[in-house]
């Protein structure tokens, strides 16, 4: 069955990909880079999901991959200025271009190994382009072929972004799961 990427607008589908198994759990909900650290630390349990529900009322928070009607993948993408990457000291600004950031890719267990992450990257780029982005940045792990813990692989890996036409733009001082992160960019102009 073909994979279709759509804007992330349906709360239940977003919850399926980034929400907790238990409603009272304080999982990420892909808020860590979307909101200020202080607010992120204050939100716990069901309040995190309600915050995401309220955010969705203002528009999509990224894109979802669907296999038929089943949500199977997630990619967070937004203007860098609207994320904590705007002030991140470990991930540099290359220039003053109002780029978009693509910072989280998640494929549900049971659906991995089908190329969905590649489809999500392309769908996130298309979404950003459709919303006027001049370029998209990502901050993947430069794992150089080493195994990456799947929980920490949310940032993506360099080779997948290279395959999607992203090029190295800068080194960072950010490290995730023991691997350095690099700033990759795809120009859309």
N, C-alpha and C. Protein backbone atom coordinates (compact mmCIF):
# COMPACT_ATOMS: atom_id res chain seq x y z
N UNK A 1 0.84 -1.18 0.00
CA UNK A 1 0.00 0.00 0.00
C UNK A 1 0.89 1.25 0.00
N UNK A 2 0.49 2.25 -0.74
CA UNK A 2 1.27 3.49 -0.85
C UNK A 2 1.18 4.31 0.45
N UNK A 3 2.24 5.03 0.72
CA UNK A 3 2.30 5.93 1.88
C UNK A 3 1.96 7.33 1.39
N UNK A 4 1.04 7.98 2.09
CA UNK A 4 0.65 9.36 1.76
C UNK A 4 1.00 10.26 2.94
N UNK A 5 1.60 11.39 2.64
CA UNK A 5 1.96 12.36 3.68
C UNK A 5 0.96 13.52 3.63
N UNK A 6 0.41 13.83 4.82
CA UNK A 6 -0.58 14.91 4.94
C UNK A 6 -0.21 15.81 6.11
N UNK A 7 -0.69 17.07 6.07
CA UNK A 7 -0.47 17.94 7.23
C UNK A 7 -1.04 17.30 8.50
N UNK A 8 -0.33 17.47 9.61
CA UNK A 8 -0.75 16.91 10.90
C UNK A 8 -1.82 17.82 11.51
N UNK A 9 -3.07 17.46 11.30
CA UNK A 9 -4.18 18.28 11.78
C UNK A 9 -5.12 17.53 12.72
N UNK A 10 -5.07 16.21 12.70
CA UNK A 10 -6.00 15.40 13.49
C UNK A 10 -5.33 15.00 14.81
N UNK A 11 -5.88 15.50 15.91
CA UNK A 11 -5.27 15.28 17.21
C UNK A 11 -5.06 13.80 17.51
N UNK A 12 -6.05 12.96 17.29
CA UNK A 12 -5.92 11.53 17.61
C UNK A 12 -4.78 10.89 16.83
N UNK A 13 -4.58 11.32 15.61
CA UNK A 13 -3.48 10.77 14.80
C UNK A 13 -2.13 11.25 15.32
N UNK A 14 -2.05 12.52 15.72
CA UNK A 14 -0.82 13.03 16.33
C UNK A 14 -0.54 12.28 17.62
N UNK A 15 -1.58 12.06 18.43
CA UNK A 15 -1.42 11.32 19.68
C UNK A 15 -0.89 9.91 19.42
N UNK A 16 -1.38 9.26 18.38
CA UNK A 16 -0.92 7.92 18.03
C UNK A 16 0.59 7.89 17.81
N UNK A 17 1.12 8.94 17.22
CA UNK A 17 2.55 8.96 16.89
C UNK A 17 3.43 9.51 18.00
N UNK A 18 3.00 10.55 18.71
CA UNK A 18 3.90 11.19 19.68
C UNK A 18 3.33 11.25 21.10
N UNK A 19 2.14 10.74 21.30
CA UNK A 19 1.54 10.74 22.62
C UNK A 19 1.93 9.51 23.42
N UNK A 20 1.57 9.51 24.70
CA UNK A 20 1.94 8.40 25.58
C UNK A 20 1.02 7.19 25.45
N UNK A 21 1.50 6.05 25.90
CA UNK A 21 0.65 4.87 25.99
C UNK A 21 -0.32 5.02 27.15
N UNK A 22 0.16 5.66 28.24
CA UNK A 22 -0.68 5.94 29.40
C UNK A 22 -1.01 7.43 29.42
N UNK A 23 -2.26 7.82 29.56
CA UNK A 23 -2.64 9.24 29.52
C UNK A 23 -1.94 10.11 30.55
N UNK A 24 -1.52 9.54 31.68
CA UNK A 24 -0.88 10.34 32.73
C UNK A 24 0.64 10.46 32.56
N UNK A 25 1.20 9.81 31.55
CA UNK A 25 2.64 9.86 31.34
C UNK A 25 3.06 11.23 30.79
N UNK A 26 4.26 11.64 31.13
CA UNK A 26 4.78 12.94 30.68
C UNK A 26 5.80 12.77 29.57
N UNK A 27 5.37 12.19 28.45
CA UNK A 27 6.27 12.01 27.31
C UNK A 27 6.39 13.31 26.53
N UNK A 28 7.27 13.30 25.57
CA UNK A 28 7.66 14.50 24.84
C UNK A 28 6.52 15.20 24.10
N UNK A 29 5.67 14.46 23.40
CA UNK A 29 4.64 15.05 22.53
C UNK A 29 5.28 15.95 21.47
N UNK A 30 6.58 15.80 21.25
CA UNK A 30 7.33 16.61 20.29
C UNK A 30 7.22 18.10 20.62
N UNK A 31 7.23 18.42 21.90
CA UNK A 31 7.18 19.81 22.36
C UNK A 31 8.54 20.37 22.73
N UNK A 32 9.52 19.52 22.95
CA UNK A 32 10.80 19.95 23.50
C UNK A 32 11.47 21.09 22.74
N UNK A 33 11.36 21.08 21.43
CA UNK A 33 11.97 22.15 20.63
C UNK A 33 10.93 23.18 20.15
N UNK A 34 9.69 22.90 20.41
CA UNK A 34 8.62 23.77 19.92
C UNK A 34 8.28 24.90 20.89
N UNK A 35 8.48 24.66 22.18
CA UNK A 35 8.09 25.64 23.19
C UNK A 35 9.26 25.94 24.11
N UNK A 36 9.23 27.07 24.80
CA UNK A 36 10.33 27.39 25.72
C UNK A 36 10.54 26.29 26.77
N UNK A 37 11.78 26.10 27.14
CA UNK A 37 12.17 25.05 28.08
C UNK A 37 11.39 25.12 29.39
N UNK A 38 11.20 26.32 29.92
CA UNK A 38 10.49 26.47 31.19
C UNK A 38 9.07 25.92 31.08
N UNK A 39 8.36 26.29 30.01
CA UNK A 39 7.00 25.80 29.81
C UNK A 39 7.01 24.30 29.58
N UNK A 40 7.95 23.81 28.80
CA UNK A 40 8.06 22.38 28.54
C UNK A 40 8.22 21.60 29.84
N UNK A 41 9.02 22.13 30.77
CA UNK A 41 9.25 21.46 32.05
C UNK A 41 8.03 21.55 32.97
N UNK A 42 7.24 22.60 32.84
CA UNK A 42 6.06 22.77 33.70
C UNK A 42 4.89 21.88 33.28
N UNK A 43 4.78 21.60 31.99
CA UNK A 43 3.67 20.77 31.50
C UNK A 43 3.93 19.30 31.84
N UNK A 44 2.93 18.66 32.43
CA UNK A 44 3.11 17.24 32.74
C UNK A 44 1.80 16.49 32.53
N UNK A 45 1.93 15.20 32.35
CA UNK A 45 0.77 14.32 32.19
C UNK A 45 -0.17 14.79 31.11
N UNK A 46 -1.48 14.72 31.37
CA UNK A 46 -2.48 15.07 30.37
C UNK A 46 -2.40 16.52 29.88
N UNK A 47 -1.80 17.41 30.67
CA UNK A 47 -1.68 18.81 30.25
C UNK A 47 -0.84 18.94 28.98
N UNK A 48 0.10 18.02 28.77
CA UNK A 48 0.92 18.07 27.56
C UNK A 48 0.05 17.81 26.33
N UNK A 49 -0.79 16.79 26.42
CA UNK A 49 -1.68 16.49 25.30
C UNK A 49 -2.66 17.62 25.03
N UNK A 50 -3.20 18.21 26.09
CA UNK A 50 -4.14 19.33 25.91
C UNK A 50 -3.44 20.52 25.27
N UNK A 51 -2.18 20.73 25.62
CA UNK A 51 -1.42 21.82 25.01
C UNK A 51 -1.28 21.57 23.51
N UNK A 52 -0.98 20.33 23.13
CA UNK A 52 -0.86 19.98 21.71
C UNK A 52 -2.21 20.15 21.02
N UNK A 53 -3.28 19.74 21.66
CA UNK A 53 -4.62 19.91 21.08
C UNK A 53 -4.88 21.40 20.79
N UNK A 54 -4.53 22.26 21.74
CA UNK A 54 -4.72 23.70 21.55
C UNK A 54 -3.84 24.24 20.42
N UNK A 55 -2.60 23.76 20.34
CA UNK A 55 -1.72 24.18 19.25
C UNK A 55 -2.29 23.79 17.89
N UNK A 56 -2.84 22.59 17.81
CA UNK A 56 -3.41 22.11 16.55
C UNK A 56 -4.58 22.98 16.09
N UNK A 57 -5.26 23.63 17.02
CA UNK A 57 -6.37 24.51 16.65
C UNK A 57 -5.88 25.69 15.81
N UNK A 58 -4.57 26.00 15.91
CA UNK A 58 -3.99 27.10 15.14
C UNK A 58 -3.42 26.64 13.80
N UNK A 59 -3.33 25.34 13.59
CA UNK A 59 -2.80 24.83 12.33
C UNK A 59 -1.95 23.60 12.54
N UNK A 60 -1.51 22.98 11.43
CA UNK A 60 -0.71 21.76 11.50
C UNK A 60 0.61 21.98 12.25
N UNK A 61 1.06 20.94 12.93
CA UNK A 61 2.32 20.99 13.68
C UNK A 61 3.45 20.27 12.95
N UNK A 62 3.17 19.83 11.76
CA UNK A 62 4.12 19.06 10.98
C UNK A 62 3.33 18.23 9.99
N UNK A 63 3.87 17.05 9.69
CA UNK A 63 3.19 16.16 8.75
C UNK A 63 3.10 14.75 9.32
N UNK A 64 2.11 14.02 8.85
CA UNK A 64 1.93 12.62 9.22
C UNK A 64 1.96 11.76 7.96
N UNK A 65 2.52 10.58 8.08
CA UNK A 65 2.48 9.60 6.99
C UNK A 65 1.35 8.62 7.30
N UNK A 66 0.58 8.31 6.28
CA UNK A 66 -0.55 7.39 6.42
C UNK A 66 -0.37 6.22 5.46
N UNK A 67 -0.68 5.04 5.97
CA UNK A 67 -0.81 3.85 5.14
C UNK A 67 -2.30 3.56 5.14
N UNK A 68 -2.97 3.91 4.06
CA UNK A 68 -4.43 3.90 4.06
C UNK A 68 -4.90 4.99 5.00
N UNK A 69 -5.72 4.62 5.99
CA UNK A 69 -6.19 5.59 6.99
C UNK A 69 -5.41 5.51 8.29
N UNK A 70 -4.40 4.65 8.35
CA UNK A 70 -3.64 4.46 9.58
C UNK A 70 -2.42 5.38 9.62
N UNK A 71 -2.31 6.22 10.68
CA UNK A 71 -1.12 7.05 10.81
C UNK A 71 0.08 6.19 11.20
N UNK A 72 1.17 6.28 10.41
CA UNK A 72 2.32 5.41 10.65
C UNK A 72 3.62 6.18 10.85
N UNK A 73 3.61 7.49 10.61
CA UNK A 73 4.84 8.26 10.77
C UNK A 73 4.56 9.73 11.04
N UNK A 74 5.53 10.40 11.61
CA UNK A 74 5.42 11.80 12.03
C UNK A 74 6.71 12.54 11.69
N UNK A 75 6.58 13.78 11.25
CA UNK A 75 7.74 14.66 11.11
C UNK A 75 7.34 16.05 11.60
N UNK A 76 8.12 16.60 12.53
CA UNK A 76 7.89 17.94 13.05
C UNK A 76 8.65 18.93 12.18
N UNK A 77 7.95 19.93 11.68
CA UNK A 77 8.58 20.95 10.84
C UNK A 77 7.86 22.26 11.07
N UNK A 78 8.64 23.34 11.25
CA UNK A 78 8.07 24.66 11.51
C UNK A 78 9.15 25.70 11.24
N UNK A 79 8.75 26.97 11.12
CA UNK A 79 9.77 28.01 10.97
C UNK A 79 10.74 27.97 12.15
N UNK A 80 12.02 28.04 11.86
CA UNK A 80 13.02 28.00 12.94
C UNK A 80 12.75 29.09 13.97
N UNK A 81 12.29 30.25 13.51
CA UNK A 81 12.01 31.37 14.41
C UNK A 81 10.95 31.03 15.45
N UNK A 82 10.11 30.03 15.16
CA UNK A 82 9.04 29.62 16.07
C UNK A 82 9.44 28.47 16.97
N UNK A 83 10.71 28.10 16.96
CA UNK A 83 11.19 26.97 17.75
C UNK A 83 12.31 27.42 18.68
N UNK A 84 12.73 26.54 19.57
CA UNK A 84 13.86 26.87 20.44
C UNK A 84 15.18 26.85 19.68
N UNK A 85 15.19 26.34 18.45
CA UNK A 85 16.41 26.40 17.64
C UNK A 85 16.78 27.85 17.32
N UNK A 86 15.82 28.74 17.40
CA UNK A 86 16.09 30.16 17.14
C UNK A 86 17.09 30.72 18.15
N UNK A 87 17.13 30.13 19.36
CA UNK A 87 18.02 30.61 20.42
C UNK A 87 19.02 29.57 20.87
N UNK A 88 19.10 28.46 20.17
CA UNK A 88 19.96 27.35 20.57
C UNK A 88 21.43 27.73 20.38
N UNK A 89 22.22 27.62 21.44
CA UNK A 89 23.64 27.98 21.36
C UNK A 89 24.49 26.88 20.77
N UNK A 90 23.97 25.66 20.70
CA UNK A 90 24.77 24.54 20.19
C UNK A 90 24.59 24.32 18.68
N UNK A 91 23.49 24.84 18.14
CA UNK A 91 23.22 24.68 16.71
C UNK A 91 23.26 26.07 16.09
N UNK A 92 24.28 26.34 15.27
CA UNK A 92 24.49 27.70 14.79
C UNK A 92 23.47 28.15 13.74
N UNK A 93 23.42 29.45 13.55
CA UNK A 93 22.68 30.04 12.44
C UNK A 93 23.68 30.20 11.30
N UNK A 94 23.33 29.71 10.14
CA UNK A 94 24.23 29.80 8.99
C UNK A 94 24.18 31.20 8.39
N UNK A 95 22.97 31.78 8.36
CA UNK A 95 22.76 33.11 7.79
C UNK A 95 21.42 33.63 8.30
N UNK A 96 20.94 34.71 7.73
CA UNK A 96 19.69 35.32 8.20
C UNK A 96 18.46 34.85 7.42
N UNK A 97 18.61 33.86 6.56
CA UNK A 97 17.48 33.33 5.80
C UNK A 97 16.42 32.78 6.76
N UNK A 98 15.14 33.09 6.56
CA UNK A 98 14.09 32.59 7.46
C UNK A 98 13.76 31.11 7.19
N UNK A 99 14.71 30.25 7.54
CA UNK A 99 14.59 28.82 7.26
C UNK A 99 13.54 28.16 8.15
N UNK A 100 13.13 26.98 7.75
CA UNK A 100 12.28 26.11 8.57
C UNK A 100 13.16 25.02 9.13
N UNK A 101 12.79 24.51 10.30
CA UNK A 101 13.50 23.42 10.96
C UNK A 101 12.69 22.13 10.88
N UNK A 102 13.37 21.05 10.58
CA UNK A 102 12.80 19.70 10.58
C UNK A 102 13.60 18.94 11.63
N UNK A 103 12.95 18.66 12.78
CA UNK A 103 13.75 18.17 13.91
C UNK A 103 13.32 16.82 14.47
N UNK A 104 12.23 16.27 14.03
CA UNK A 104 11.81 14.99 14.59
C UNK A 104 11.16 14.14 13.51
N UNK A 105 11.61 12.90 13.41
CA UNK A 105 11.01 11.94 12.49
C UNK A 105 10.75 10.68 13.30
N UNK A 106 9.53 10.20 13.24
CA UNK A 106 9.19 9.00 13.99
C UNK A 106 8.34 8.08 13.13
N UNK A 107 8.72 6.83 13.07
CA UNK A 107 7.94 5.80 12.37
C UNK A 107 7.54 4.77 13.40
N UNK A 108 6.26 4.42 13.40
CA UNK A 108 5.74 3.46 14.38
C UNK A 108 6.37 2.09 14.21
N UNK A 109 6.60 1.41 15.35
CA UNK A 109 7.06 0.02 15.27
C UNK A 109 6.09 -0.79 14.40
N UNK A 110 6.63 -1.72 13.68
CA UNK A 110 5.82 -2.54 12.78
C UNK A 110 5.72 -1.93 11.38
N UNK A 111 6.17 -0.70 11.24
CA UNK A 111 6.12 -0.02 9.94
C UNK A 111 7.51 0.43 9.50
N UNK A 112 8.51 0.13 10.31
CA UNK A 112 9.88 0.55 9.99
C UNK A 112 10.46 -0.35 8.90
N UNK A 113 11.48 0.18 8.23
CA UNK A 113 12.14 -0.59 7.18
C UNK A 113 11.42 -0.54 5.85
N UNK A 114 10.43 0.35 5.72
CA UNK A 114 9.67 0.47 4.47
C UNK A 114 9.97 1.78 3.74
N UNK A 115 10.93 2.55 4.23
CA UNK A 115 11.25 3.82 3.58
C UNK A 115 10.35 4.97 4.00
N UNK A 116 9.59 4.79 5.06
CA UNK A 116 8.65 5.83 5.49
C UNK A 116 9.39 7.08 5.95
N UNK A 117 10.54 6.93 6.60
CA UNK A 117 11.27 8.13 7.04
C UNK A 117 11.68 8.98 5.84
N UNK A 118 12.05 8.35 4.75
CA UNK A 118 12.41 9.10 3.53
C UNK A 118 11.20 9.84 2.99
N UNK A 119 10.05 9.17 2.99
CA UNK A 119 8.81 9.79 2.53
C UNK A 119 8.42 10.96 3.44
N UNK A 120 8.63 10.79 4.75
CA UNK A 120 8.33 11.87 5.70
C UNK A 120 9.22 13.09 5.48
N UNK A 121 10.51 12.87 5.25
CA UNK A 121 11.42 13.99 4.99
C UNK A 121 10.94 14.77 3.77
N UNK A 122 10.64 14.06 2.71
CA UNK A 122 10.18 14.73 1.48
C UNK A 122 8.84 15.45 1.71
N UNK A 123 7.94 14.82 2.46
CA UNK A 123 6.65 15.44 2.77
C UNK A 123 6.81 16.69 3.62
N UNK A 124 7.75 16.66 4.57
CA UNK A 124 8.01 17.84 5.41
C UNK A 124 8.59 18.97 4.57
N UNK A 125 9.48 18.64 3.65
CA UNK A 125 10.05 19.65 2.76
C UNK A 125 8.95 20.26 1.89
N UNK A 126 8.09 19.42 1.34
CA UNK A 126 6.98 19.93 0.52
C UNK A 126 6.06 20.84 1.33
N UNK A 127 5.77 20.44 2.56
CA UNK A 127 4.91 21.24 3.44
C UNK A 127 5.55 22.62 3.69
N UNK A 128 6.84 22.62 4.00
CA UNK A 128 7.54 23.89 4.25
C UNK A 128 7.55 24.75 2.98
N UNK A 129 7.83 24.13 1.84
CA UNK A 129 7.84 24.87 0.57
C UNK A 129 6.46 25.48 0.31
N UNK A 130 5.41 24.70 0.52
CA UNK A 130 4.04 25.19 0.30
C UNK A 130 3.69 26.37 1.20
N UNK A 131 4.41 26.49 2.33
CA UNK A 131 4.16 27.58 3.27
C UNK A 131 5.22 28.69 3.16
N UNK A 132 5.94 28.70 2.05
CA UNK A 132 6.85 29.80 1.75
C UNK A 132 8.27 29.68 2.27
N UNK A 133 8.65 28.53 2.78
CA UNK A 133 10.02 28.38 3.30
C UNK A 133 11.03 28.50 2.17
N UNK A 134 12.08 29.31 2.36
CA UNK A 134 13.13 29.40 1.34
C UNK A 134 14.13 28.25 1.44
N UNK A 135 14.17 27.61 2.61
CA UNK A 135 15.08 26.48 2.84
C UNK A 135 14.60 25.73 4.08
N UNK A 136 15.01 24.48 4.17
CA UNK A 136 14.69 23.66 5.35
C UNK A 136 16.01 23.17 5.93
N UNK A 137 16.12 23.28 7.26
CA UNK A 137 17.28 22.77 7.97
C UNK A 137 16.87 21.55 8.79
N UNK A 138 17.84 20.66 8.97
CA UNK A 138 17.67 19.53 9.87
C UNK A 138 18.96 19.40 10.67
N UNK A 139 18.89 18.71 11.79
CA UNK A 139 20.01 18.60 12.71
C UNK A 139 20.23 17.12 13.07
N UNK A 140 20.47 16.30 12.04
CA UNK A 140 20.55 14.85 12.27
C UNK A 140 21.86 14.41 12.94
N UNK A 141 21.85 13.16 13.35
CA UNK A 141 23.03 12.53 13.92
C UNK A 141 23.99 12.17 12.79
N UNK A 142 25.25 12.45 13.00
CA UNK A 142 26.29 12.02 12.07
C UNK A 142 26.90 10.75 12.66
N UNK A 143 26.15 9.66 12.53
CA UNK A 143 26.52 8.40 13.18
C UNK A 143 27.56 7.59 12.42
N UNK A 144 27.91 8.01 11.22
CA UNK A 144 28.94 7.35 10.40
C UNK A 144 28.75 5.84 10.35
N UNK A 145 27.50 5.42 10.20
CA UNK A 145 27.18 4.02 10.05
C UNK A 145 27.01 3.24 11.35
N UNK A 146 27.33 3.86 12.49
CA UNK A 146 27.19 3.17 13.77
C UNK A 146 25.71 3.03 14.14
N UNK A 147 25.40 2.01 14.91
CA UNK A 147 24.04 1.77 15.36
C UNK A 147 23.58 2.92 16.26
N UNK A 148 22.33 3.31 16.09
CA UNK A 148 21.75 4.40 16.87
C UNK A 148 20.54 3.87 17.63
N UNK A 149 20.46 4.17 18.92
CA UNK A 149 19.30 3.81 19.73
C UNK A 149 18.05 4.41 19.08
N UNK A 150 17.04 3.60 18.80
CA UNK A 150 15.85 4.08 18.09
C UNK A 150 15.13 5.20 18.83
N UNK A 151 15.17 5.18 20.15
CA UNK A 151 14.51 6.25 20.91
C UNK A 151 15.17 7.59 20.63
N UNK A 152 16.47 7.59 20.45
CA UNK A 152 17.21 8.83 20.24
C UNK A 152 17.45 9.14 18.76
N UNK A 153 16.95 8.30 17.89
CA UNK A 153 17.12 8.52 16.45
C UNK A 153 16.09 9.49 15.89
N UNK A 154 15.27 10.09 16.75
CA UNK A 154 14.22 11.00 16.29
C UNK A 154 14.77 12.14 15.44
N UNK A 155 16.01 12.55 15.66
CA UNK A 155 16.59 13.66 14.90
C UNK A 155 16.92 13.24 13.47
N UNK A 156 16.87 11.96 13.19
CA UNK A 156 17.24 11.45 11.88
C UNK A 156 18.73 11.22 11.80
N UNK A 157 19.14 10.62 10.70
CA UNK A 157 20.56 10.38 10.50
C UNK A 157 21.01 11.06 9.20
N UNK A 158 22.25 11.46 9.21
CA UNK A 158 22.80 12.27 8.11
C UNK A 158 22.54 11.65 6.74
N UNK A 159 22.80 10.36 6.58
CA UNK A 159 22.68 9.75 5.25
C UNK A 159 21.27 9.85 4.68
N UNK A 160 20.25 9.81 5.54
CA UNK A 160 18.87 9.94 5.05
C UNK A 160 18.60 11.34 4.53
N UNK A 161 19.19 12.34 5.19
CA UNK A 161 19.00 13.71 4.71
C UNK A 161 19.81 13.96 3.45
N UNK A 162 20.99 13.37 3.36
CA UNK A 162 21.77 13.49 2.12
C UNK A 162 21.00 12.87 0.96
N UNK A 163 20.36 11.73 1.19
CA UNK A 163 19.58 11.07 0.15
C UNK A 163 18.40 11.94 -0.29
N UNK A 164 17.94 12.83 0.59
CA UNK A 164 16.81 13.71 0.28
C UNK A 164 17.27 15.07 -0.27
N UNK A 165 18.55 15.19 -0.61
CA UNK A 165 19.02 16.42 -1.23
C UNK A 165 19.50 17.49 -0.26
N UNK A 166 19.61 17.15 1.02
CA UNK A 166 20.16 18.09 1.99
C UNK A 166 21.68 18.03 1.90
N UNK A 167 22.33 19.15 2.16
CA UNK A 167 23.79 19.18 2.17
C UNK A 167 24.27 19.72 3.51
N UNK A 168 25.50 19.35 3.87
CA UNK A 168 26.10 19.83 5.10
C UNK A 168 26.19 21.35 5.03
N UNK A 169 25.78 22.03 6.09
CA UNK A 169 25.87 23.49 6.14
C UNK A 169 26.78 23.95 7.27
N UNK A 170 26.85 23.18 8.36
CA UNK A 170 27.70 23.57 9.49
C UNK A 170 27.81 22.42 10.48
N UNK A 171 28.91 22.41 11.21
CA UNK A 171 29.02 21.51 12.35
C UNK A 171 28.29 22.16 13.51
N UNK A 172 27.92 21.37 14.51
CA UNK A 172 27.28 21.89 15.71
C UNK A 172 28.08 21.38 16.91
N UNK A 173 27.76 21.89 18.07
CA UNK A 173 28.36 21.34 19.29
C UNK A 173 27.34 20.46 20.02
N UNK A 174 26.24 20.17 19.35
CA UNK A 174 25.19 19.32 19.92
C UNK A 174 25.55 17.85 19.71
N UNK A 175 25.32 17.06 20.75
CA UNK A 175 25.56 15.62 20.70
C UNK A 175 24.28 14.95 21.20
N UNK A 176 23.86 13.90 20.52
CA UNK A 176 22.66 13.16 20.90
C UNK A 176 22.98 11.67 20.83
N UNK A 177 22.73 10.97 21.90
CA UNK A 177 22.97 9.52 21.98
C UNK A 177 24.42 9.19 21.63
N UNK A 178 25.35 10.08 22.01
CA UNK A 178 26.76 9.83 21.77
C UNK A 178 27.25 10.17 20.38
N UNK A 179 26.38 10.69 19.53
CA UNK A 179 26.75 11.03 18.16
C UNK A 179 26.65 12.54 17.96
N UNK A 180 27.62 13.12 17.24
CA UNK A 180 27.52 14.55 16.95
C UNK A 180 26.35 14.80 15.99
N UNK A 181 25.77 15.98 16.12
CA UNK A 181 24.72 16.39 15.18
C UNK A 181 25.33 17.41 14.22
N UNK A 182 24.89 17.37 12.99
CA UNK A 182 25.33 18.33 11.98
C UNK A 182 24.13 19.12 11.50
N UNK A 183 24.39 20.31 11.02
CA UNK A 183 23.33 21.12 10.44
C UNK A 183 23.32 20.85 8.95
N UNK A 184 22.21 20.32 8.47
CA UNK A 184 22.02 20.01 7.04
C UNK A 184 20.97 20.98 6.51
N UNK A 185 21.10 21.37 5.25
CA UNK A 185 20.14 22.31 4.68
C UNK A 185 19.77 21.91 3.27
N UNK A 186 18.51 22.15 2.94
CA UNK A 186 18.03 21.98 1.56
C UNK A 186 17.43 23.30 1.12
N UNK A 187 18.04 23.89 0.12
CA UNK A 187 17.59 25.17 -0.42
C UNK A 187 16.35 24.93 -1.29
N UNK A 188 15.32 25.74 -1.11
CA UNK A 188 14.08 25.58 -1.88
C UNK A 188 13.84 26.72 -2.86
N UNK A 189 14.81 27.61 -2.96
CA UNK A 189 14.64 28.76 -3.86
C UNK A 189 14.93 28.38 -5.29
